[in-house]
Each structure stands twice: as C-alpha cells, then as structure tokens.
Amino acid sequence: MSVVSSIEFRSATPADAAAIKVVVHAAYAKWVPVIGREPLPTCADYDKALNEHQFELAIEGGRIVGLIETMAHDDHIWIENVAVAPEAQGRGIGRKLLDSAERKAVEAGCRELRLLTNGAFEANVRLYRKHGYAVDREEPFMNGTTVYMSKRLAP
C-alpha cells in the first residue's frame, strides 16, 4: 500500500455537502449488489449532518476523496461513517481518517470509539478489526446483520 503525500486533511463546511454525498454514493456503490439495496449512508441528509456532526475530509487535487463523520458523546466518539472514493481506496486514507478520530477522542477525554457496519461488508469488518476494533455484538437488520464494534483507547 502506498500513501500519496498529496492528501491533505481538513474539517468540512456546509458548502461540502454535495461533494460529500457524491463520495459516499461512489464509496458504497459496490455494496448495493451485495445487500440488494442502497446502504443507509447513501440516504443521509448531509446538509443536516454537517450542522450536527463533525466531518474530517481527505482532499487530493482540490477534491474530496475521503471522509469520516463522527459524533462526540460523554464517554465515547461514535463513528457514523467512513467513506473513501473508489479510485483512492487501498492507499491508507481510511486508516488515516480513523487515526484522526482516535486523536480527537483522546483530546476530548474519551477512551472509546464505537461504530457499526453491515456484516455483509466483510472488507470493512476486516479493516476495523485490523485497526484494533472488536465486535461487541451482532443484530439482525433489514434481512442482514448489523455488526457493532468498538475500540478502547489507552489513557
């Protein structure tokens, strides 16, 4: 895996909503045939989400190629979405976005990150496991399985 040094990271602004939606749709398109429907992140209202959640963007050549959407809670950071454009996948961008969420959690005094993913998204489950996340539980959801995962952070 080679990480391109031309990737820059910045917080999102409300003006990024349309571009975020494009990246999310592209990133999740490969899962539509696997689960037989649009994944839930493709249906989100990103205008609203940008006002309520934090987004960090990966930018290359002036365009968004990845993002992480998080929500701070008293005792943990919830990762709502991680998406990387197909042409930028496999270059460590998702890992860097997850690392950023960890740093922000520690800075905020949170010692845990939590997320969920679709059990059919096996590559995503493997990525999170490789990054230190453990499966907490699995629940049936819309003819599939939701996998809840978390990662404890050192104090």
N, C-alpha and C. Protein backbone atom coordinates (compact mmCIF):
# COMPACT_ATOMS: atom_id res chain seq x y z
N MET A 1 0.85 -1.17 0.00
CA MET A 1 0.00 0.00 0.00
C MET A 1 0.90 1.23 0.00
N SER A 2 0.64 2.15 -0.91
CA SER A 2 1.41 3.39 -0.91
C SER A 2 0.47 4.54 -0.63
N VAL A 3 0.88 5.37 0.32
CA VAL A 3 0.08 6.53 0.68
C VAL A 3 0.64 7.71 -0.09
N VAL A 4 -0.22 8.39 -0.81
CA VAL A 4 0.20 9.54 -1.59
C VAL A 4 0.31 10.73 -0.67
N SER A 5 1.43 11.40 -0.68
CA SER A 5 1.66 12.51 0.24
C SER A 5 0.89 13.75 -0.16
N SER A 6 0.22 13.73 -1.29
CA SER A 6 -0.52 14.90 -1.72
C SER A 6 -1.90 15.00 -1.06
N ILE A 7 -2.23 14.07 -0.17
CA ILE A 7 -3.51 14.11 0.55
C ILE A 7 -3.41 15.12 1.67
N GLU A 8 -4.39 16.00 1.71
CA GLU A 8 -4.49 16.96 2.81
C GLU A 8 -5.77 16.66 3.57
N PHE A 9 -5.82 17.04 4.83
CA PHE A 9 -6.98 16.80 5.66
C PHE A 9 -7.49 18.13 6.20
N ARG A 10 -8.82 18.25 6.23
CA ARG A 10 -9.42 19.47 6.79
C ARG A 10 -10.83 19.16 7.27
N SER A 11 -11.34 20.03 8.12
CA SER A 11 -12.73 19.91 8.57
C SER A 11 -13.66 20.31 7.43
N ALA A 12 -14.83 19.71 7.42
CA ALA A 12 -15.83 20.03 6.40
C ALA A 12 -16.57 21.31 6.78
N THR A 13 -17.13 21.94 5.77
CA THR A 13 -18.00 23.09 5.96
C THR A 13 -19.34 22.76 5.30
N PRO A 14 -20.40 23.52 5.59
CA PRO A 14 -21.69 23.25 4.94
C PRO A 14 -21.62 23.25 3.41
N ALA A 15 -20.68 23.98 2.85
CA ALA A 15 -20.55 24.03 1.39
C ALA A 15 -20.08 22.70 0.80
N ASP A 16 -19.61 21.78 1.64
CA ASP A 16 -19.10 20.49 1.17
C ASP A 16 -20.18 19.42 1.03
N ALA A 17 -21.42 19.73 1.40
CA ALA A 17 -22.48 18.70 1.47
C ALA A 17 -22.66 17.94 0.16
N ALA A 18 -22.75 18.63 -0.95
CA ALA A 18 -22.99 17.95 -2.23
C ALA A 18 -21.82 17.04 -2.60
N ALA A 19 -20.60 17.50 -2.39
CA ALA A 19 -19.42 16.69 -2.72
C ALA A 19 -19.32 15.48 -1.79
N ILE A 20 -19.69 15.65 -0.53
CA ILE A 20 -19.68 14.53 0.41
C ILE A 20 -20.66 13.46 -0.07
N LYS A 21 -21.84 13.86 -0.48
CA LYS A 21 -22.85 12.90 -0.95
C LYS A 21 -22.33 12.12 -2.16
N VAL A 22 -21.63 12.79 -3.06
CA VAL A 22 -21.06 12.13 -4.24
C VAL A 22 -20.04 11.07 -3.81
N VAL A 23 -19.16 11.41 -2.88
CA VAL A 23 -18.14 10.46 -2.41
C VAL A 23 -18.81 9.27 -1.72
N VAL A 24 -19.80 9.54 -0.87
CA VAL A 24 -20.48 8.47 -0.15
C VAL A 24 -21.16 7.51 -1.14
N HIS A 25 -21.86 8.06 -2.13
CA HIS A 25 -22.52 7.21 -3.13
C HIS A 25 -21.50 6.36 -3.88
N ALA A 26 -20.40 6.95 -4.28
CA ALA A 26 -19.38 6.20 -5.01
C ALA A 26 -18.75 5.12 -4.13
N ALA A 27 -18.46 5.46 -2.88
CA ALA A 27 -17.80 4.52 -1.98
C ALA A 27 -18.69 3.32 -1.67
N TYR A 28 -19.97 3.55 -1.54
CA TYR A 28 -20.89 2.47 -1.15
C TYR A 28 -21.51 1.74 -2.34
N ALA A 29 -21.30 2.20 -3.56
CA ALA A 29 -21.93 1.60 -4.74
C ALA A 29 -21.63 0.11 -4.86
N LYS A 30 -20.43 -0.31 -4.50
CA LYS A 30 -20.06 -1.72 -4.64
C LYS A 30 -20.86 -2.63 -3.72
N TRP A 31 -21.49 -2.06 -2.69
CA TRP A 31 -22.24 -2.88 -1.75
C TRP A 31 -23.70 -3.07 -2.15
N VAL A 32 -24.20 -2.28 -3.08
CA VAL A 32 -25.61 -2.40 -3.49
C VAL A 32 -25.93 -3.80 -3.98
N PRO A 33 -25.12 -4.39 -4.89
CA PRO A 33 -25.44 -5.76 -5.32
C PRO A 33 -25.29 -6.79 -4.20
N VAL A 34 -24.46 -6.51 -3.22
CA VAL A 34 -24.23 -7.45 -2.12
C VAL A 34 -25.44 -7.51 -1.20
N ILE A 35 -26.04 -6.34 -0.88
CA ILE A 35 -27.16 -6.33 0.07
C ILE A 35 -28.52 -6.10 -0.60
N GLY A 36 -28.51 -5.78 -1.90
CA GLY A 36 -29.75 -5.64 -2.64
C GLY A 36 -30.51 -4.35 -2.39
N ARG A 37 -29.84 -3.34 -1.87
CA ARG A 37 -30.46 -2.04 -1.60
C ARG A 37 -29.36 -1.00 -1.42
N GLU A 38 -29.78 0.25 -1.38
CA GLU A 38 -28.83 1.32 -1.10
C GLU A 38 -28.42 1.25 0.38
N PRO A 39 -27.14 1.27 0.70
CA PRO A 39 -26.72 1.32 2.09
C PRO A 39 -27.21 2.63 2.74
N LEU A 40 -27.52 2.57 4.02
CA LEU A 40 -28.12 3.71 4.70
C LEU A 40 -27.32 5.01 4.58
N PRO A 41 -25.97 5.00 4.61
CA PRO A 41 -25.26 6.28 4.48
C PRO A 41 -25.55 7.02 3.17
N THR A 42 -25.97 6.30 2.14
CA THR A 42 -26.27 6.98 0.87
C THR A 42 -27.59 7.73 0.93
N CYS A 43 -28.39 7.45 1.95
CA CYS A 43 -29.70 8.09 2.09
C CYS A 43 -29.68 9.25 3.10
N ALA A 44 -28.54 9.52 3.70
CA ALA A 44 -28.44 10.54 4.75
C ALA A 44 -28.61 11.95 4.17
N ASP A 45 -29.07 12.84 5.01
CA ASP A 45 -29.19 14.26 4.69
C ASP A 45 -27.90 14.95 5.14
N TYR A 46 -26.97 15.13 4.22
CA TYR A 46 -25.67 15.67 4.59
C TYR A 46 -25.70 17.16 4.90
N ASP A 47 -26.67 17.90 4.40
CA ASP A 47 -26.82 19.29 4.82
C ASP A 47 -27.10 19.34 6.32
N LYS A 48 -28.00 18.49 6.77
CA LYS A 48 -28.34 18.42 8.19
C LYS A 48 -27.16 17.85 9.00
N ALA A 49 -26.58 16.77 8.52
CA ALA A 49 -25.48 16.11 9.25
C ALA A 49 -24.30 17.06 9.46
N LEU A 50 -24.01 17.89 8.49
CA LEU A 50 -22.89 18.83 8.63
C LEU A 50 -23.13 19.85 9.74
N ASN A 51 -24.38 20.10 10.07
CA ASN A 51 -24.69 21.01 11.17
C ASN A 51 -24.67 20.32 12.52
N GLU A 52 -24.79 18.99 12.53
CA GLU A 52 -24.92 18.25 13.78
C GLU A 52 -23.71 17.39 14.13
N HIS A 53 -22.90 17.02 13.15
CA HIS A 53 -21.78 16.11 13.37
C HIS A 53 -20.48 16.75 12.90
N GLN A 54 -19.38 16.14 13.28
CA GLN A 54 -18.09 16.60 12.79
C GLN A 54 -17.66 15.73 11.61
N PHE A 55 -17.11 16.37 10.62
CA PHE A 55 -16.60 15.68 9.44
C PHE A 55 -15.15 16.10 9.23
N GLU A 56 -14.30 15.13 8.98
CA GLU A 56 -12.95 15.43 8.52
C GLU A 56 -12.86 14.88 7.11
N LEU A 57 -12.28 15.68 6.23
CA LEU A 57 -12.20 15.32 4.82
C LEU A 57 -10.76 15.06 4.41
N ALA A 58 -10.58 14.10 3.51
CA ALA A 58 -9.31 13.88 2.84
C ALA A 58 -9.44 14.52 1.46
N ILE A 59 -8.53 15.42 1.15
CA ILE A 59 -8.58 16.19 -0.09
C ILE A 59 -7.36 15.86 -0.94
N GLU A 60 -7.60 15.62 -2.22
CA GLU A 60 -6.49 15.40 -3.15
C GLU A 60 -6.82 16.16 -4.44
N GLY A 61 -5.88 16.96 -4.89
CA GLY A 61 -6.10 17.71 -6.12
C GLY A 61 -7.32 18.62 -6.04
N GLY A 62 -7.61 19.12 -4.85
CA GLY A 62 -8.72 20.04 -4.67
C GLY A 62 -10.08 19.38 -4.55
N ARG A 63 -10.12 18.03 -4.55
CA ARG A 63 -11.43 17.38 -4.41
C ARG A 63 -11.43 16.38 -3.28
N ILE A 64 -12.61 16.17 -2.71
CA ILE A 64 -12.77 15.25 -1.59
C ILE A 64 -12.64 13.81 -2.09
N VAL A 65 -11.74 13.06 -1.46
CA VAL A 65 -11.57 11.65 -1.81
C VAL A 65 -11.89 10.73 -0.63
N GLY A 66 -12.15 11.31 0.53
CA GLY A 66 -12.49 10.50 1.70
C GLY A 66 -13.03 11.37 2.81
N LEU A 67 -13.72 10.71 3.76
CA LEU A 67 -14.29 11.45 4.88
C LEU A 67 -14.55 10.52 6.04
N ILE A 68 -14.59 11.13 7.22
CA ILE A 68 -15.05 10.44 8.41
C ILE A 68 -16.01 11.38 9.11
N GLU A 69 -17.15 10.83 9.51
CA GLU A 69 -18.21 11.58 10.19
C GLU A 69 -18.30 11.04 11.62
N THR A 70 -18.17 11.92 12.61
CA THR A 70 -18.18 11.49 14.00
C THR A 70 -19.13 12.33 14.84
N MET A 71 -19.50 11.77 15.98
CA MET A 71 -20.33 12.45 16.97
C MET A 71 -19.72 12.20 18.34
N ALA A 72 -19.51 13.27 19.09
CA ALA A 72 -18.95 13.15 20.43
C ALA A 72 -20.06 12.87 21.44
N HIS A 73 -19.84 11.89 22.28
CA HIS A 73 -20.72 11.58 23.41
C HIS A 73 -19.89 11.72 24.68
N ASP A 74 -20.52 11.65 25.84
CA ASP A 74 -19.79 11.85 27.09
C ASP A 74 -18.63 10.87 27.26
N ASP A 75 -18.84 9.61 26.91
CA ASP A 75 -17.83 8.61 27.19
C ASP A 75 -17.21 7.97 25.95
N HIS A 76 -17.64 8.37 24.77
CA HIS A 76 -17.07 7.78 23.55
C HIS A 76 -17.30 8.70 22.35
N ILE A 77 -16.62 8.36 21.27
CA ILE A 77 -16.84 9.00 19.97
C ILE A 77 -17.53 7.97 19.09
N TRP A 78 -18.65 8.37 18.51
CA TRP A 78 -19.38 7.50 17.59
C TRP A 78 -18.92 7.82 16.17
N ILE A 79 -18.48 6.81 15.45
CA ILE A 79 -18.12 6.97 14.05
C ILE A 79 -19.34 6.60 13.24
N GLU A 80 -19.95 7.59 12.65
CA GLU A 80 -21.17 7.40 11.87
C GLU A 80 -20.87 6.89 10.47
N ASN A 81 -19.75 7.34 9.91
CA ASN A 81 -19.48 6.97 8.52
C ASN A 81 -18.00 7.17 8.22
N VAL A 82 -17.44 6.25 7.49
CA VAL A 82 -16.11 6.38 6.88
C VAL A 82 -16.31 6.01 5.42
N ALA A 83 -15.92 6.90 4.53
CA ALA A 83 -16.08 6.63 3.10
C ALA A 83 -14.86 7.13 2.34
N VAL A 84 -14.38 6.32 1.44
CA VAL A 84 -13.25 6.70 0.58
C VAL A 84 -13.65 6.41 -0.86
N ALA A 85 -13.44 7.39 -1.72
CA ALA A 85 -13.78 7.24 -3.14
C ALA A 85 -13.07 6.02 -3.71
N PRO A 86 -13.73 5.26 -4.59
CA PRO A 86 -13.14 4.03 -5.12
C PRO A 86 -11.73 4.20 -5.68
N GLU A 87 -11.49 5.28 -6.40
CA GLU A 87 -10.17 5.47 -7.00
C GLU A 87 -9.08 5.78 -5.97
N ALA A 88 -9.47 6.09 -4.74
CA ALA A 88 -8.50 6.40 -3.70
C ALA A 88 -8.39 5.29 -2.66
N GLN A 89 -9.18 4.23 -2.80
CA GLN A 89 -9.14 3.14 -1.83
C GLN A 89 -7.83 2.37 -1.93
N GLY A 90 -7.44 1.77 -0.80
CA GLY A 90 -6.23 0.96 -0.76
C GLY A 90 -4.96 1.76 -0.59
N ARG A 91 -5.08 3.03 -0.28
CA ARG A 91 -3.89 3.90 -0.13
C ARG A 91 -3.71 4.39 1.30
N GLY A 92 -4.47 3.85 2.25
CA GLY A 92 -4.31 4.22 3.65
C GLY A 92 -5.11 5.43 4.08
N ILE A 93 -5.98 5.93 3.23
CA ILE A 93 -6.76 7.13 3.58
C ILE A 93 -7.74 6.81 4.70
N GLY A 94 -8.44 5.70 4.61
CA GLY A 94 -9.37 5.30 5.67
C GLY A 94 -8.67 5.14 7.00
N ARG A 95 -7.49 4.53 6.98
CA ARG A 95 -6.70 4.36 8.20
C ARG A 95 -6.34 5.70 8.81
N LYS A 96 -5.91 6.64 7.96
CA LYS A 96 -5.54 7.97 8.47
C LYS A 96 -6.76 8.69 9.05
N LEU A 97 -7.92 8.52 8.44
CA LEU A 97 -9.13 9.13 8.98
C LEU A 97 -9.49 8.51 10.32
N LEU A 98 -9.37 7.19 10.46
CA LEU A 98 -9.61 6.54 11.74
C LEU A 98 -8.61 7.00 12.80
N ASP A 99 -7.34 7.14 12.40
CA ASP A 99 -6.32 7.64 13.33
C ASP A 99 -6.68 9.04 13.83
N SER A 100 -7.18 9.86 12.95
CA SER A 100 -7.57 11.21 13.31
C SER A 100 -8.71 11.18 14.34
N ALA A 101 -9.67 10.30 14.14
CA ALA A 101 -10.78 10.18 15.10
C ALA A 101 -10.25 9.74 16.46
N GLU A 102 -9.27 8.85 16.47
CA GLU A 102 -8.67 8.42 17.74
C GLU A 102 -8.00 9.58 18.45
N ARG A 103 -7.23 10.37 17.72
CA ARG A 103 -6.57 11.53 18.33
C ARG A 103 -7.60 12.49 18.92
N LYS A 104 -8.66 12.75 18.18
CA LYS A 104 -9.70 13.66 18.66
C LYS A 104 -10.39 13.10 19.90
N ALA A 105 -10.59 11.79 19.93
CA ALA A 105 -11.22 11.17 21.09
C ALA A 105 -10.35 11.35 22.33
N VAL A 106 -9.06 11.08 22.20
CA VAL A 106 -8.14 11.24 23.32
C VAL A 106 -8.12 12.70 23.78
N GLU A 107 -8.04 13.64 22.83
CA GLU A 107 -8.04 15.06 23.18
C GLU A 107 -9.32 15.45 23.91
N ALA A 108 -10.44 14.82 23.59
CA ALA A 108 -11.72 15.13 24.23
C ALA A 108 -11.92 14.36 25.54
N GLY A 109 -10.95 13.53 25.88
CA GLY A 109 -11.05 12.75 27.11
C GLY A 109 -11.89 11.49 26.97
N CYS A 110 -12.20 11.09 25.76
CA CYS A 110 -12.96 9.86 25.51
C CYS A 110 -11.98 8.71 25.35
N ARG A 111 -12.33 7.58 25.91
CA ARG A 111 -11.43 6.42 25.86
C ARG A 111 -11.96 5.29 25.00
N GLU A 112 -12.99 5.61 24.18
CA GLU A 112 -13.54 4.55 23.35
C GLU A 112 -14.11 5.14 22.07
N LEU A 113 -13.96 4.38 20.99
CA LEU A 113 -14.59 4.69 19.71
C LEU A 113 -15.58 3.57 19.43
N ARG A 114 -16.73 3.93 18.88
CA ARG A 114 -17.75 2.94 18.55
C ARG A 114 -18.25 3.18 17.13
N LEU A 115 -18.70 2.10 16.50
CA LEU A 115 -19.26 2.20 15.16
C LEU A 115 -20.11 0.97 14.89
N LEU A 116 -20.78 1.02 13.77
CA LEU A 116 -21.46 -0.19 13.29
C LEU A 116 -21.24 -0.29 11.80
N THR A 117 -21.36 -1.50 11.32
CA THR A 117 -21.26 -1.74 9.88
C THR A 117 -22.16 -2.92 9.53
N ASN A 118 -22.40 -3.09 8.27
CA ASN A 118 -23.19 -4.21 7.78
C ASN A 118 -22.29 -5.45 7.75
N GLY A 119 -22.78 -6.54 8.30
CA GLY A 119 -21.99 -7.77 8.33
C GLY A 119 -21.60 -8.26 6.94
N ALA A 120 -22.38 -7.89 5.92
CA ALA A 120 -22.06 -8.30 4.55
C ALA A 120 -20.87 -7.51 3.99
N PHE A 121 -20.52 -6.42 4.63
CA PHE A 121 -19.37 -5.61 4.19
C PHE A 121 -18.11 -6.20 4.83
N GLU A 122 -17.77 -7.42 4.43
CA GLU A 122 -16.69 -8.16 5.07
C GLU A 122 -15.36 -7.43 5.04
N ALA A 123 -15.08 -6.72 3.96
CA ALA A 123 -13.82 -5.98 3.87
C ALA A 123 -13.77 -4.88 4.93
N ASN A 124 -14.91 -4.26 5.21
CA ASN A 124 -14.95 -3.22 6.22
C ASN A 124 -14.73 -3.81 7.61
N VAL A 125 -15.38 -4.93 7.89
CA VAL A 125 -15.20 -5.59 9.19
C VAL A 125 -13.73 -5.94 9.37
N ARG A 126 -13.09 -6.48 8.34
CA ARG A 126 -11.65 -6.81 8.41
C ARG A 126 -10.81 -5.57 8.65
N LEU A 127 -11.12 -4.47 7.95
CA LEU A 127 -10.37 -3.22 8.14
C LEU A 127 -10.46 -2.75 9.58
N TYR A 128 -11.66 -2.74 10.14
CA TYR A 128 -11.83 -2.28 11.52
C TYR A 128 -11.11 -3.21 12.49
N ARG A 129 -11.22 -4.52 12.28
CA ARG A 129 -10.50 -5.47 13.16
C ARG A 129 -8.99 -5.21 13.09
N LYS A 130 -8.49 -5.03 11.88
CA LYS A 130 -7.06 -4.78 11.71
C LYS A 130 -6.63 -3.50 12.42
N HIS A 131 -7.55 -2.57 12.53
CA HIS A 131 -7.27 -1.28 13.18
C HIS A 131 -7.53 -1.34 14.70
N GLY A 132 -7.82 -2.53 15.22
CA GLY A 132 -7.96 -2.70 16.67
C GLY A 132 -9.37 -2.70 17.22
N TYR A 133 -10.36 -2.70 16.35
CA TYR A 133 -11.75 -2.74 16.81
C TYR A 133 -12.16 -4.19 17.06
N ALA A 134 -13.01 -4.37 18.07
CA ALA A 134 -13.55 -5.69 18.40
C ALA A 134 -15.05 -5.68 18.15
N VAL A 135 -15.58 -6.84 17.80
CA VAL A 135 -17.02 -6.99 17.63
C VAL A 135 -17.64 -7.09 19.02
N ASP A 136 -18.60 -6.18 19.30
CA ASP A 136 -19.30 -6.19 20.57
C ASP A 136 -20.56 -7.05 20.50
N ARG A 137 -21.28 -6.94 19.40
CA ARG A 137 -22.49 -7.73 19.21
C ARG A 137 -22.92 -7.65 17.75
N GLU A 138 -23.79 -8.56 17.39
CA GLU A 138 -24.39 -8.58 16.05
C GLU A 138 -25.89 -8.68 16.23
N GLU A 139 -26.63 -7.93 15.37
CA GLU A 139 -28.09 -7.94 15.44
C GLU A 139 -28.67 -8.03 14.04
N PRO A 140 -29.79 -8.74 13.90
CA PRO A 140 -30.45 -8.77 12.59
C PRO A 140 -30.97 -7.39 12.23
N PHE A 141 -30.85 -7.04 10.93
CA PHE A 141 -31.34 -5.75 10.45
C PHE A 141 -31.59 -5.84 8.95
N MET A 142 -32.80 -5.54 8.51
CA MET A 142 -33.17 -5.47 7.10
C MET A 142 -32.63 -6.66 6.29
N ASN A 143 -32.96 -7.87 6.69
CA ASN A 143 -32.53 -9.10 6.02
C ASN A 143 -31.02 -9.30 6.03
N GLY A 144 -30.33 -8.68 6.95
CA GLY A 144 -28.89 -8.84 7.09
C GLY A 144 -28.51 -8.80 8.56
N THR A 145 -27.26 -8.41 8.81
CA THR A 145 -26.75 -8.35 10.17
C THR A 145 -25.99 -7.04 10.36
N THR A 146 -26.31 -6.36 11.45
CA THR A 146 -25.54 -5.18 11.84
C THR A 146 -24.48 -5.63 12.83
N VAL A 147 -23.23 -5.23 12.57
CA VAL A 147 -22.11 -5.57 13.43
C VAL A 147 -21.70 -4.32 14.19
N TYR A 148 -21.83 -4.37 15.52
CA TYR A 148 -21.42 -3.26 16.38
C TYR A 148 -20.00 -3.52 16.85
N MET A 149 -19.14 -2.52 16.71
CA MET A 149 -17.73 -2.68 17.04
C MET A 149 -17.27 -1.50 17.90
N SER A 150 -16.20 -1.74 18.66
CA SER A 150 -15.63 -0.66 19.46
C SER A 150 -14.13 -0.87 19.62
N LYS A 151 -13.49 0.22 20.01
CA LYS A 151 -12.06 0.19 20.26
C LYS A 151 -11.79 1.00 21.52
N ARG A 152 -11.19 0.35 22.50
CA ARG A 152 -10.78 1.03 23.72
C ARG A 152 -9.45 1.71 23.46
N LEU A 153 -9.32 2.93 23.97
CA LEU A 153 -8.09 3.70 23.79
C LEU A 153 -7.33 3.78 25.10
N ALA A 154 -6.02 3.74 25.00
CA ALA A 154 -5.19 3.85 26.21
C ALA A 154 -5.30 5.26 26.78
N PRO A 155 -5.30 5.36 28.12
CA PRO A 155 -5.38 6.71 28.72
C PRO A 155 -4.15 7.55 28.43
